[in-house]
Amino acid sequence: VGSAGKLLNKLLALAGFSREEVYIANVLKCRPPGNRDPRPEEVEACTPFLDRQIQIIRPRVIATLGRHSTRYMFSKAGLRFTKMSDVRGHLYEVKVLGLAILLVPTLHPASALYNPSYRSLLEQDFELIGRAVRGLAEPGGLEPRGRKGTLEEFMV
């Protein structure tokens, strides 16, 4: 919605998609008052709906935008979430709700509106999302499939 939504559209285009080609879901089904962080009981009340959406859609790739969705999906996958800077920019091969999913955590586009330096991180992450959907990225990092570097290649 608004400026963050416009940025999301640009990021999706960078990944090779239009807004109409992706399914967007939220951890909460309504916005908390004053744009505050969701409370645990709100997450608990709403996530069964998100879980059902995932089961119906059966996505191969899920990109989590921001810490709330990342924390939730990490918990479903049995991964430990610390902070976004530790997990963003990587591709995780996980099992969620009985489905094999490639999970790509990234920042929420709104964060780049408050901190413009995050925009380049978002662009990198959305390029990774595009590669993941096309099967051109390996779990665990940003390296394209088929490219295995050696120590000598990097010692230039």
N, C-alpha and C. Protein backbone atom coordinates (compact mmCIF):
# COMPACT_ATOMS: atom_id res chain seq x y z
N VAL A 1 0.84 -1.18 0.00
CA VAL A 1 0.00 0.00 0.00
C VAL A 1 0.89 1.24 0.00
N GLY A 2 0.55 2.23 -0.78
CA GLY A 2 1.29 3.48 -0.80
C GLY A 2 2.69 3.33 -1.36
N SER A 3 3.63 4.09 -0.77
CA SER A 3 5.01 4.10 -1.26
C SER A 3 5.67 2.73 -1.15
N ALA A 4 5.41 2.01 -0.06
CA ALA A 4 6.00 0.67 0.10
C ALA A 4 5.46 -0.27 -0.98
N GLY A 5 4.20 -0.15 -1.32
CA GLY A 5 3.61 -0.98 -2.37
C GLY A 5 4.20 -0.67 -3.74
N LYS A 6 4.46 0.61 -4.00
CA LYS A 6 5.09 0.98 -5.27
C LYS A 6 6.50 0.42 -5.35
N LEU A 7 7.23 0.49 -4.23
CA LEU A 7 8.57 -0.08 -4.21
C LEU A 7 8.51 -1.59 -4.40
N LEU A 8 7.55 -2.25 -3.77
CA LEU A 8 7.39 -3.69 -3.94
C LEU A 8 7.16 -4.03 -5.41
N ASN A 9 6.35 -3.26 -6.10
CA ASN A 9 6.12 -3.50 -7.53
C ASN A 9 7.42 -3.41 -8.32
N LYS A 10 8.26 -2.43 -8.00
CA LYS A 10 9.55 -2.28 -8.69
C LYS A 10 10.47 -3.45 -8.38
N LEU A 11 10.48 -3.88 -7.13
CA LEU A 11 11.33 -5.01 -6.73
C LEU A 11 10.87 -6.30 -7.40
N LEU A 12 9.56 -6.50 -7.48
CA LEU A 12 9.03 -7.67 -8.17
C LEU A 12 9.44 -7.66 -9.64
N ALA A 13 9.38 -6.49 -10.27
CA ALA A 13 9.78 -6.38 -11.67
C ALA A 13 11.26 -6.72 -11.82
N LEU A 14 12.08 -6.30 -10.87
CA LEU A 14 13.50 -6.63 -10.89
C LEU A 14 13.71 -8.14 -10.84
N ALA A 15 12.84 -8.83 -10.10
CA ALA A 15 12.91 -10.29 -9.99
C ALA A 15 12.29 -10.98 -11.21
N GLY A 16 11.62 -10.20 -12.06
CA GLY A 16 11.03 -10.76 -13.27
C GLY A 16 9.55 -11.07 -13.15
N PHE A 17 8.85 -10.43 -12.20
CA PHE A 17 7.43 -10.72 -11.98
C PHE A 17 6.61 -9.44 -11.92
N SER A 18 5.33 -9.58 -12.19
CA SER A 18 4.38 -8.50 -11.93
C SER A 18 3.63 -8.87 -10.65
N ARG A 19 2.97 -7.91 -10.07
CA ARG A 19 2.21 -8.14 -8.84
C ARG A 19 1.13 -9.20 -9.06
N GLU A 20 0.59 -9.26 -10.26
CA GLU A 20 -0.46 -10.22 -10.56
C GLU A 20 0.04 -11.66 -10.64
N GLU A 21 1.34 -11.84 -10.77
CA GLU A 21 1.92 -13.19 -10.91
C GLU A 21 2.34 -13.80 -9.58
N VAL A 22 2.24 -13.05 -8.51
CA VAL A 22 2.65 -13.56 -7.20
C VAL A 22 1.47 -13.56 -6.25
N TYR A 23 1.54 -14.41 -5.26
CA TYR A 23 0.51 -14.46 -4.23
C TYR A 23 1.07 -13.79 -2.99
N ILE A 24 0.37 -12.81 -2.48
CA ILE A 24 0.83 -12.08 -1.30
C ILE A 24 -0.11 -12.40 -0.15
N ALA A 25 0.47 -12.83 0.96
CA ALA A 25 -0.30 -13.14 2.17
C ALA A 25 0.39 -12.46 3.35
N ASN A 26 -0.33 -12.31 4.41
CA ASN A 26 0.20 -11.65 5.61
C ASN A 26 0.05 -12.56 6.82
N VAL A 27 0.94 -12.35 7.79
CA VAL A 27 0.84 -13.09 9.05
C VAL A 27 -0.46 -12.70 9.74
N LEU A 28 -0.73 -11.40 9.82
CA LEU A 28 -1.99 -10.92 10.39
C LEU A 28 -2.95 -10.59 9.26
N LYS A 29 -4.21 -10.79 9.51
CA LYS A 29 -5.22 -10.52 8.50
C LYS A 29 -5.84 -9.13 8.65
N CYS A 30 -5.38 -8.39 9.65
CA CYS A 30 -5.78 -6.99 9.81
C CYS A 30 -4.59 -6.23 10.36
N ARG A 31 -4.61 -4.92 10.21
CA ARG A 31 -3.48 -4.09 10.65
C ARG A 31 -3.65 -3.73 12.13
N PRO A 32 -2.61 -3.95 12.93
CA PRO A 32 -2.70 -3.56 14.35
C PRO A 32 -2.84 -2.04 14.48
N PRO A 33 -3.56 -1.58 15.49
CA PRO A 33 -3.73 -0.14 15.68
C PRO A 33 -2.38 0.58 15.81
N GLY A 34 -2.28 1.73 15.19
CA GLY A 34 -1.07 2.53 15.29
C GLY A 34 0.14 1.90 14.63
N ASN A 35 -0.09 0.91 13.77
CA ASN A 35 0.98 0.21 13.07
C ASN A 35 2.01 -0.42 14.03
N ARG A 36 1.53 -0.81 15.21
CA ARG A 36 2.42 -1.43 16.20
C ARG A 36 2.74 -2.86 15.78
N ASP A 37 3.75 -3.44 16.43
CA ASP A 37 4.09 -4.83 16.17
C ASP A 37 2.94 -5.74 16.60
N PRO A 38 2.75 -6.84 15.89
CA PRO A 38 1.67 -7.76 16.28
C PRO A 38 1.96 -8.42 17.62
N ARG A 39 0.92 -8.60 18.40
CA ARG A 39 1.03 -9.29 19.69
C ARG A 39 1.00 -10.80 19.45
N PRO A 40 1.62 -11.56 20.35
CA PRO A 40 1.63 -13.02 20.17
C PRO A 40 0.24 -13.62 20.01
N GLU A 41 -0.73 -13.12 20.75
CA GLU A 41 -2.08 -13.68 20.64
C GLU A 41 -2.72 -13.36 19.29
N GLU A 42 -2.34 -12.23 18.68
CA GLU A 42 -2.84 -11.89 17.35
C GLU A 42 -2.23 -12.82 16.29
N VAL A 43 -0.93 -13.07 16.43
CA VAL A 43 -0.26 -13.99 15.51
C VAL A 43 -0.88 -15.38 15.64
N GLU A 44 -1.09 -15.81 16.87
CA GLU A 44 -1.68 -17.13 17.12
C GLU A 44 -3.08 -17.25 16.53
N ALA A 45 -3.85 -16.16 16.59
CA ALA A 45 -5.22 -16.19 16.07
C ALA A 45 -5.25 -16.20 14.54
N CYS A 46 -4.28 -15.56 13.90
CA CYS A 46 -4.33 -15.39 12.45
C CYS A 46 -3.54 -16.42 11.65
N THR A 47 -2.49 -16.98 12.22
CA THR A 47 -1.63 -17.84 11.42
C THR A 47 -2.26 -19.15 10.95
N PRO A 48 -3.29 -19.69 11.60
CA PRO A 48 -3.93 -20.86 10.98
C PRO A 48 -4.46 -20.56 9.57
N PHE A 49 -4.89 -19.32 9.34
CA PHE A 49 -5.36 -18.93 8.01
C PHE A 49 -4.19 -18.89 7.03
N LEU A 50 -3.05 -18.35 7.48
CA LEU A 50 -1.86 -18.33 6.64
C LEU A 50 -1.39 -19.75 6.33
N ASP A 51 -1.38 -20.59 7.35
CA ASP A 51 -0.98 -21.99 7.14
C ASP A 51 -1.86 -22.65 6.08
N ARG A 52 -3.15 -22.40 6.16
CA ARG A 52 -4.08 -23.01 5.19
C ARG A 52 -3.82 -22.47 3.78
N GLN A 53 -3.54 -21.17 3.69
CA GLN A 53 -3.21 -20.59 2.38
C GLN A 53 -1.99 -21.30 1.78
N ILE A 54 -0.97 -21.51 2.59
CA ILE A 54 0.25 -22.18 2.12
C ILE A 54 -0.07 -23.60 1.68
N GLN A 55 -0.89 -24.31 2.46
CA GLN A 55 -1.25 -25.68 2.10
C GLN A 55 -2.02 -25.75 0.79
N ILE A 56 -2.88 -24.78 0.55
CA ILE A 56 -3.67 -24.77 -0.68
C ILE A 56 -2.82 -24.39 -1.89
N ILE A 57 -2.01 -23.36 -1.74
CA ILE A 57 -1.22 -22.84 -2.86
C ILE A 57 -0.01 -23.72 -3.17
N ARG A 58 0.57 -24.32 -2.14
CA ARG A 58 1.74 -25.19 -2.29
C ARG A 58 2.88 -24.50 -3.03
N PRO A 59 3.34 -23.36 -2.53
CA PRO A 59 4.41 -22.64 -3.24
C PRO A 59 5.74 -23.38 -3.18
N ARG A 60 6.54 -23.22 -4.22
CA ARG A 60 7.90 -23.76 -4.21
C ARG A 60 8.84 -22.80 -3.50
N VAL A 61 8.53 -21.49 -3.60
CA VAL A 61 9.37 -20.45 -3.00
C VAL A 61 8.48 -19.53 -2.19
N ILE A 62 8.94 -19.20 -0.98
CA ILE A 62 8.27 -18.20 -0.16
C ILE A 62 9.31 -17.14 0.19
N ALA A 63 9.00 -15.90 -0.13
CA ALA A 63 9.83 -14.77 0.28
C ALA A 63 9.14 -14.11 1.46
N THR A 64 9.83 -14.02 2.58
CA THR A 64 9.25 -13.36 3.75
C THR A 64 9.75 -11.92 3.76
N LEU A 65 8.82 -10.99 3.88
CA LEU A 65 9.16 -9.57 3.87
C LEU A 65 9.09 -9.03 5.29
N GLY A 66 10.23 -8.92 5.94
CA GLY A 66 10.29 -8.36 7.28
C GLY A 66 10.38 -9.42 8.37
N ARG A 67 10.62 -8.93 9.59
CA ARG A 67 10.93 -9.84 10.69
C ARG A 67 9.74 -10.65 11.18
N HIS A 68 8.54 -10.12 11.11
CA HIS A 68 7.39 -10.86 11.65
C HIS A 68 7.11 -12.12 10.82
N SER A 69 7.07 -11.97 9.50
CA SER A 69 6.84 -13.15 8.67
C SER A 69 8.04 -14.08 8.69
N THR A 70 9.23 -13.52 8.76
CA THR A 70 10.43 -14.36 8.81
C THR A 70 10.47 -15.15 10.11
N ARG A 71 10.20 -14.50 11.22
CA ARG A 71 10.18 -15.20 12.51
C ARG A 71 9.17 -16.34 12.48
N TYR A 72 7.98 -16.07 11.93
CA TYR A 72 6.94 -17.10 11.90
C TYR A 72 7.36 -18.28 11.02
N MET A 73 7.84 -18.00 9.82
CA MET A 73 8.22 -19.10 8.91
C MET A 73 9.43 -19.86 9.44
N PHE A 74 10.36 -19.18 10.07
CA PHE A 74 11.49 -19.88 10.68
C PHE A 74 10.99 -20.82 11.78
N SER A 75 10.04 -20.36 12.57
CA SER A 75 9.51 -21.23 13.64
C SER A 75 8.82 -22.45 13.04
N LYS A 76 8.08 -22.27 11.95
CA LYS A 76 7.41 -23.40 11.29
C LYS A 76 8.42 -24.39 10.72
N ALA A 77 9.58 -23.87 10.31
CA ALA A 77 10.61 -24.72 9.71
C ALA A 77 11.58 -25.28 10.74
N GLY A 78 11.41 -24.89 12.01
CA GLY A 78 12.31 -25.37 13.05
C GLY A 78 13.67 -24.69 13.04
N LEU A 79 13.74 -23.49 12.45
CA LEU A 79 14.98 -22.72 12.42
C LEU A 79 14.97 -21.66 13.51
N ARG A 80 16.14 -21.31 13.98
CA ARG A 80 16.26 -20.27 15.00
C ARG A 80 16.39 -18.91 14.31
N PHE A 81 15.52 -17.99 14.67
CA PHE A 81 15.58 -16.63 14.13
C PHE A 81 16.27 -15.73 15.13
N THR A 82 17.24 -14.97 14.66
CA THR A 82 17.93 -14.02 15.52
C THR A 82 17.55 -12.60 15.11
N LYS A 83 18.05 -12.19 13.97
CA LYS A 83 17.70 -10.87 13.45
C LYS A 83 17.79 -10.89 11.93
N MET A 84 17.13 -9.94 11.30
CA MET A 84 17.04 -9.93 9.84
C MET A 84 18.42 -9.84 9.19
N SER A 85 19.31 -9.06 9.76
CA SER A 85 20.63 -8.92 9.14
C SER A 85 21.40 -10.23 9.11
N ASP A 86 21.05 -11.17 9.99
CA ASP A 86 21.71 -12.47 10.01
C ASP A 86 21.15 -13.44 8.97
N VAL A 87 19.89 -13.26 8.58
CA VAL A 87 19.23 -14.27 7.74
C VAL A 87 18.88 -13.79 6.33
N ARG A 88 18.79 -12.50 6.11
CA ARG A 88 18.38 -12.00 4.79
C ARG A 88 19.49 -12.27 3.78
N GLY A 89 19.09 -12.40 2.53
CA GLY A 89 20.06 -12.59 1.47
C GLY A 89 20.51 -14.03 1.30
N HIS A 90 19.85 -14.95 1.97
CA HIS A 90 20.20 -16.37 1.86
C HIS A 90 18.96 -17.16 1.47
N LEU A 91 19.19 -18.29 0.87
CA LEU A 91 18.13 -19.19 0.44
C LEU A 91 18.16 -20.42 1.34
N TYR A 92 17.03 -20.71 1.97
CA TYR A 92 16.93 -21.83 2.90
C TYR A 92 16.02 -22.90 2.31
N GLU A 93 16.48 -24.13 2.31
CA GLU A 93 15.65 -25.26 1.89
C GLU A 93 15.01 -25.82 3.15
N VAL A 94 13.68 -25.68 3.26
CA VAL A 94 12.99 -26.03 4.50
C VAL A 94 11.79 -26.93 4.22
N LYS A 95 11.31 -27.53 5.27
CA LYS A 95 10.07 -28.30 5.22
C LYS A 95 9.08 -27.55 6.12
N VAL A 96 7.98 -27.11 5.53
CA VAL A 96 6.95 -26.35 6.25
C VAL A 96 5.60 -26.96 5.91
N LEU A 97 4.86 -27.35 6.93
CA LEU A 97 3.53 -27.92 6.73
C LEU A 97 3.56 -29.11 5.77
N GLY A 98 4.64 -29.88 5.85
CA GLY A 98 4.79 -31.04 5.00
C GLY A 98 5.23 -30.75 3.58
N LEU A 99 5.54 -29.50 3.28
CA LEU A 99 5.94 -29.08 1.94
C LEU A 99 7.42 -28.72 1.90
N ALA A 100 8.11 -29.12 0.85
CA ALA A 100 9.49 -28.69 0.63
C ALA A 100 9.44 -27.31 -0.01
N ILE A 101 10.02 -26.32 0.67
CA ILE A 101 9.92 -24.93 0.24
C ILE A 101 11.30 -24.30 0.27
N LEU A 102 11.57 -23.44 -0.71
CA LEU A 102 12.74 -22.57 -0.66
C LEU A 102 12.29 -21.27 -0.02
N LEU A 103 12.93 -20.90 1.07
CA LEU A 103 12.55 -19.72 1.85
C LEU A 103 13.60 -18.64 1.67
N VAL A 104 13.15 -17.45 1.28
CA VAL A 104 14.06 -16.32 1.07
C VAL A 104 13.62 -15.17 1.97
N PRO A 105 14.28 -15.00 3.12
CA PRO A 105 13.93 -13.87 3.98
C PRO A 105 14.55 -12.58 3.46
N THR A 106 13.78 -11.52 3.50
CA THR A 106 14.30 -10.21 3.14
C THR A 106 13.64 -9.15 4.00
N LEU A 107 14.10 -7.94 3.84
CA LEU A 107 13.56 -6.82 4.59
C LEU A 107 12.18 -6.47 4.04
N HIS A 108 11.39 -5.80 4.86
CA HIS A 108 10.11 -5.29 4.37
C HIS A 108 10.41 -4.06 3.51
N PRO A 109 9.75 -3.91 2.37
CA PRO A 109 10.01 -2.74 1.53
C PRO A 109 9.86 -1.41 2.26
N ALA A 110 8.97 -1.33 3.24
CA ALA A 110 8.81 -0.07 3.98
C ALA A 110 10.09 0.33 4.69
N SER A 111 10.94 -0.63 5.04
CA SER A 111 12.18 -0.30 5.74
C SER A 111 13.09 0.58 4.88
N ALA A 112 13.04 0.40 3.56
CA ALA A 112 13.86 1.21 2.66
C ALA A 112 13.36 2.65 2.57
N LEU A 113 12.11 2.87 2.93
CA LEU A 113 11.59 4.23 2.94
C LEU A 113 12.17 5.02 4.10
N TYR A 114 12.50 4.33 5.18
CA TYR A 114 13.06 4.97 6.37
C TYR A 114 14.58 4.94 6.36
N ASN A 115 15.15 3.95 5.68
CA ASN A 115 16.60 3.81 5.59
C ASN A 115 16.95 3.50 4.13
N PRO A 116 17.22 4.53 3.33
CA PRO A 116 17.45 4.32 1.89
C PRO A 116 18.58 3.35 1.56
N SER A 117 19.52 3.14 2.47
CA SER A 117 20.62 2.20 2.20
C SER A 117 20.11 0.77 2.10
N TYR A 118 18.92 0.49 2.62
CA TYR A 118 18.35 -0.86 2.54
C TYR A 118 17.86 -1.21 1.14
N ARG A 119 17.69 -0.20 0.31
CA ARG A 119 17.15 -0.47 -1.03
C ARG A 119 18.05 -1.42 -1.82
N SER A 120 19.35 -1.20 -1.76
CA SER A 120 20.25 -2.09 -2.51
C SER A 120 20.21 -3.51 -1.96
N LEU A 121 20.02 -3.66 -0.64
CA LEU A 121 19.88 -5.00 -0.05
C LEU A 121 18.61 -5.67 -0.57
N LEU A 122 17.53 -4.91 -0.60
CA LEU A 122 16.27 -5.44 -1.13
C LEU A 122 16.42 -5.84 -2.60
N GLU A 123 17.10 -5.03 -3.38
CA GLU A 123 17.30 -5.36 -4.79
C GLU A 123 18.08 -6.67 -4.93
N GLN A 124 19.14 -6.83 -4.13
CA GLN A 124 19.91 -8.09 -4.16
C GLN A 124 19.01 -9.27 -3.80
N ASP A 125 18.21 -9.10 -2.75
CA ASP A 125 17.35 -10.18 -2.28
C ASP A 125 16.29 -10.54 -3.32
N PHE A 126 15.71 -9.55 -3.97
CA PHE A 126 14.69 -9.84 -4.97
C PHE A 126 15.29 -10.48 -6.22
N GLU A 127 16.53 -10.14 -6.54
CA GLU A 127 17.21 -10.86 -7.62
C GLU A 127 17.37 -12.33 -7.24
N LEU A 128 17.71 -12.58 -5.97
CA LEU A 128 17.82 -13.96 -5.48
C LEU A 128 16.46 -14.67 -5.55
N ILE A 129 15.40 -13.98 -5.18
CA ILE A 129 14.06 -14.56 -5.26
C ILE A 129 13.77 -14.99 -6.70
N GLY A 130 14.06 -14.12 -7.65
CA GLY A 130 13.84 -14.45 -9.06
C GLY A 130 14.63 -15.67 -9.48
N ARG A 131 15.90 -15.73 -9.07
CA ARG A 131 16.73 -16.89 -9.41
C ARG A 131 16.19 -18.16 -8.75
N ALA A 132 15.72 -18.04 -7.52
CA ALA A 132 15.19 -19.22 -6.81
C ALA A 132 13.97 -19.77 -7.54
N VAL A 133 13.08 -18.89 -7.96
CA VAL A 133 11.88 -19.33 -8.67
C VAL A 133 12.25 -20.02 -9.99
N ARG A 134 13.28 -19.52 -10.65
CA ARG A 134 13.71 -20.10 -11.93
C ARG A 134 14.65 -21.29 -11.76
N GLY A 135 14.93 -21.68 -10.50
CA GLY A 135 15.80 -22.83 -10.26
C GLY A 135 17.26 -22.54 -10.48
N LEU A 136 17.67 -21.29 -10.35
CA LEU A 136 19.05 -20.89 -10.63
C LEU A 136 19.83 -20.51 -9.38
N ALA A 137 19.33 -20.85 -8.21
CA ALA A 137 20.01 -20.50 -6.97
C ALA A 137 20.09 -21.73 -6.07
N GLU A 138 21.19 -21.85 -5.38
CA GLU A 138 21.41 -22.96 -4.45
C GLU A 138 21.05 -22.53 -3.04
N PRO A 139 20.42 -23.39 -2.26
CA PRO A 139 20.16 -23.08 -0.85
C PRO A 139 21.47 -22.76 -0.13
N GLY A 140 21.39 -21.77 0.77
CA GLY A 140 22.55 -21.42 1.58
C GLY A 140 23.27 -20.17 1.14
N GLY A 141 22.90 -19.56 0.04
CA GLY A 141 23.62 -18.36 -0.34
C GLY A 141 23.17 -17.79 -1.67
N LEU A 142 23.97 -16.89 -2.17
CA LEU A 142 23.61 -16.14 -3.36
C LEU A 142 24.22 -16.71 -4.64
N GLU A 143 24.96 -17.80 -4.55
CA GLU A 143 25.68 -18.33 -5.70
C GLU A 143 24.75 -19.06 -6.66
N PRO A 144 24.80 -18.73 -7.95
CA PRO A 144 23.97 -19.44 -8.92
C PRO A 144 24.34 -20.92 -9.02
N ARG A 145 23.37 -21.75 -9.35
CA ARG A 145 23.59 -23.19 -9.52
C ARG A 145 24.63 -23.41 -10.62
N GLY A 146 25.49 -24.40 -10.38
CA GLY A 146 26.48 -24.76 -11.37
C GLY A 146 27.80 -24.04 -11.20
N ARG A 147 27.84 -23.01 -10.41
CA ARG A 147 29.08 -22.29 -10.22
C ARG A 147 29.65 -22.65 -8.86
N LYS A 148 30.72 -23.37 -8.86
CA LYS A 148 31.39 -23.76 -7.63
C LYS A 148 32.77 -23.14 -7.66
N GLY A 149 33.01 -22.17 -6.82
CA GLY A 149 34.29 -21.49 -6.81
C GLY A 149 35.34 -22.28 -6.05
N THR A 150 36.59 -22.07 -6.44
CA THR A 150 37.70 -22.66 -5.70
C THR A 150 38.43 -21.54 -4.99
N LEU A 151 39.25 -21.91 -4.03
CA LEU A 151 40.03 -20.92 -3.29
C LEU A 151 40.91 -20.12 -4.24
N GLU A 152 41.50 -20.79 -5.23
CA GLU A 152 42.38 -20.12 -6.17
C GLU A 152 41.64 -19.04 -6.98
N GLU A 153 40.37 -19.30 -7.31
CA GLU A 153 39.60 -18.32 -8.07
C GLU A 153 39.39 -17.03 -7.30
N PHE A 154 39.36 -17.14 -6.00
CA PHE A 154 39.09 -15.97 -5.18
C PHE A 154 40.36 -15.30 -4.66
N MET A 155 41.51 -15.91 -4.89
CA MET A 155 42.78 -15.38 -4.41
C MET A 155 43.45 -14.54 -5.49
N VAL A 156 42.76 -13.56 -6.00
CA VAL A 156 43.30 -12.72 -7.08
C VAL A 156 43.82 -11.43 -6.51
